[in-house]
Structures are given as structure tokens and as C-alpha cells.
Amino acid sequence: MTVTNTQGPGFILIYPQGAAQPTVSTVNYVAGQTIANAAVVPLSAGGAVTIIAGVSGTDLVLDTNGYYSQTTAGSRLASGEFLGIFGTRAGDGVIYGENNS
């Protein structure tokens, strides 16, 4: 994940949807900073996560590099070709998809 265009100090939380909010952040930032971090975040039973930008605004870029399957021997990372599944660059200012905050 990458945060950019940060408006002030803040943090990002990413965790399974419906789970208790974690007490530690996935990334922290300050005003004017662009910073990246990697995280392994479990999905909820429904396959969703909750993302919170705390304290001040930011733009957020999320990349999915793969997944762990319960059927994969040894829980190895399964990765494949790039497939864009969600984007906010339609040009009309609308964020498409479910927005949880």
C-alpha cells in the first residue's frame, strides 16, 4: 500500500471486516509524505477488509500481490498475472465499490 498527498499527520488501519479494530496501524504518515508499506491482511469470511484513514486525509493506493489458500500445501503465496479489480480513476470523481470506514 502507498499513501500520498497526505494532508497532515495520520495513520492507516487495514483489518478484516467485522473484526475488532487493531490497536496498531498498518502505516503512519506526516503532511506531504509519500510512503509505502507491505502488509499481510486476512480477509473476513465474506472476503472483505475495513480501511480507515485516521486523523487527516490522504490518497491511498492498494496493491494485491497474491493470496494464501487453505487448499494450498504449506500455505504458500499464490500469485498470478496483474488484474485490476477496483479503480477510482474513472474521471467522474465517484469511488465505485463498497466503501467502509
Protein backbone atom coordinates (compact mmCIF):
# COMPACT_ATOMS: atom_id res chain seq x y z
CA MET A 1 0.00 0.00 0.00
CA THR A 2 1.12 3.57 -0.56
CA VAL A 3 -0.16 6.82 0.96
CA THR A 4 0.40 10.04 -0.93
CA ASN A 5 -0.96 13.59 -0.95
CA THR A 6 -1.12 13.43 2.84
CA GLN A 7 -2.82 16.44 4.43
CA GLY A 8 -1.28 16.13 7.90
CA PRO A 9 -0.12 13.52 10.38
CA GLY A 10 -2.17 10.34 10.36
CA PHE A 11 -2.34 6.60 10.01
CA ILE A 12 -3.99 3.82 8.03
CA LEU A 13 -5.66 0.79 9.60
CA ILE A 14 -6.46 -2.26 7.47
CA TYR A 15 -8.10 -5.27 9.08
CA PRO A 16 -10.72 -7.97 8.38
CA GLN A 17 -14.20 -6.52 8.05
CA GLY A 18 -16.24 -7.15 11.20
CA ALA A 19 -13.17 -7.82 13.37
CA ALA A 20 -12.15 -5.68 16.32
CA GLN A 21 -10.23 -2.55 15.31
CA PRO A 22 -6.50 -3.17 15.83
CA THR A 23 -4.50 -1.08 18.29
CA VAL A 24 -1.57 -0.70 15.88
CA SER A 25 -1.57 0.98 12.48
CA THR A 26 -0.61 -0.51 9.14
CA VAL A 27 1.30 2.68 8.22
CA ASN A 28 1.85 6.15 9.74
CA TYR A 29 2.47 9.37 7.81
CA VAL A 30 3.06 13.11 8.13
CA ALA A 31 1.96 16.02 5.92
CA GLY A 32 3.34 16.00 2.40
CA GLN A 33 4.75 12.49 2.69
CA THR A 34 4.52 9.63 0.22
CA ILE A 35 5.30 6.36 1.95
CA ALA A 36 4.76 2.68 1.17
CA ASN A 37 4.41 -0.37 3.37
CA ALA A 38 3.68 -4.06 2.87
CA ALA A 39 1.21 -5.97 4.99
CA VAL A 40 -0.42 -9.39 5.06
CA VAL A 41 -4.06 -8.70 5.94
CA PRO A 42 -6.56 -11.53 6.44
CA LEU A 43 -9.96 -11.19 4.79
CA SER A 44 -13.26 -11.60 6.60
CA ALA A 45 -15.36 -14.70 5.94
CA GLY A 46 -17.07 -12.63 3.25
CA GLY A 47 -13.74 -11.70 1.65
CA ALA A 48 -13.61 -8.05 2.77
CA VAL A 49 -11.38 -5.70 4.73
CA THR A 50 -12.03 -2.42 6.53
CA ILE A 51 -9.73 0.51 5.74
CA ILE A 52 -9.57 3.59 7.99
CA ALA A 53 -7.57 6.76 7.34
CA GLY A 54 -7.23 8.29 10.79
CA VAL A 55 -6.65 11.93 11.83
CA SER A 56 -6.05 13.59 8.43
CA GLY A 57 -6.78 12.94 4.78
CA THR A 58 -4.66 11.08 2.27
CA ASP A 59 -4.81 9.33 -1.08
CA LEU A 60 -4.34 5.57 -0.74
CA VAL A 61 -3.08 3.07 -3.31
CA LEU A 62 -3.60 -0.63 -2.54
CA ASP A 63 -1.92 -3.46 -4.43
CA THR A 64 -2.73 -7.14 -4.02
CA ASN A 65 0.25 -9.37 -4.67
CA GLY A 66 -1.47 -12.71 -4.09
CA TYR A 67 -3.31 -14.74 -1.52
CA TYR A 68 -2.91 -17.69 0.83
CA SER A 69 -5.28 -20.55 0.14
CA GLN A 70 -6.29 -23.11 2.74
CA THR A 71 -6.07 -25.71 -0.01
CA THR A 72 -2.52 -24.76 -0.96
CA ALA A 73 0.01 -27.17 0.53
CA GLY A 74 2.16 -25.38 3.08
CA SER A 75 0.13 -22.16 2.78
CA ARG A 76 2.37 -20.79 0.06
CA LEU A 77 1.60 -17.44 -1.53
CA ALA A 78 -0.45 -17.89 -4.70
CA SER A 79 0.19 -15.10 -7.17
CA GLY A 80 -0.72 -14.56 -10.79
CA GLU A 81 -0.90 -12.00 -13.53
CA PHE A 82 -1.99 -8.44 -12.77
CA LEU A 83 -5.73 -7.98 -12.76
CA GLY A 84 -7.25 -4.61 -11.88
CA ILE A 85 -10.36 -5.30 -9.80
CA PHE A 86 -11.09 -1.84 -8.43
CA GLY A 87 -10.17 1.65 -9.51
CA THR A 88 -11.12 5.22 -8.73
CA ARG A 89 -9.74 6.78 -11.89
CA ALA A 90 -12.99 6.93 -13.86
CA GLY A 91 -12.65 10.71 -14.14
CA ASP A 92 -16.06 11.50 -12.71
CA GLY A 93 -14.95 11.78 -9.06
CA VAL A 94 -17.07 8.84 -7.91
CA ILE A 95 -15.47 5.99 -5.95
CA TYR A 96 -17.03 2.78 -7.23
CA GLY A 97 -17.49 -0.24 -4.99
CA GLU A 98 -18.24 -0.63 -1.32
CA ASN A 99 -16.69 1.99 0.95
CA ASN A 100 -16.27 1.02 4.61
CA SER A 101 -14.88 3.46 7.13
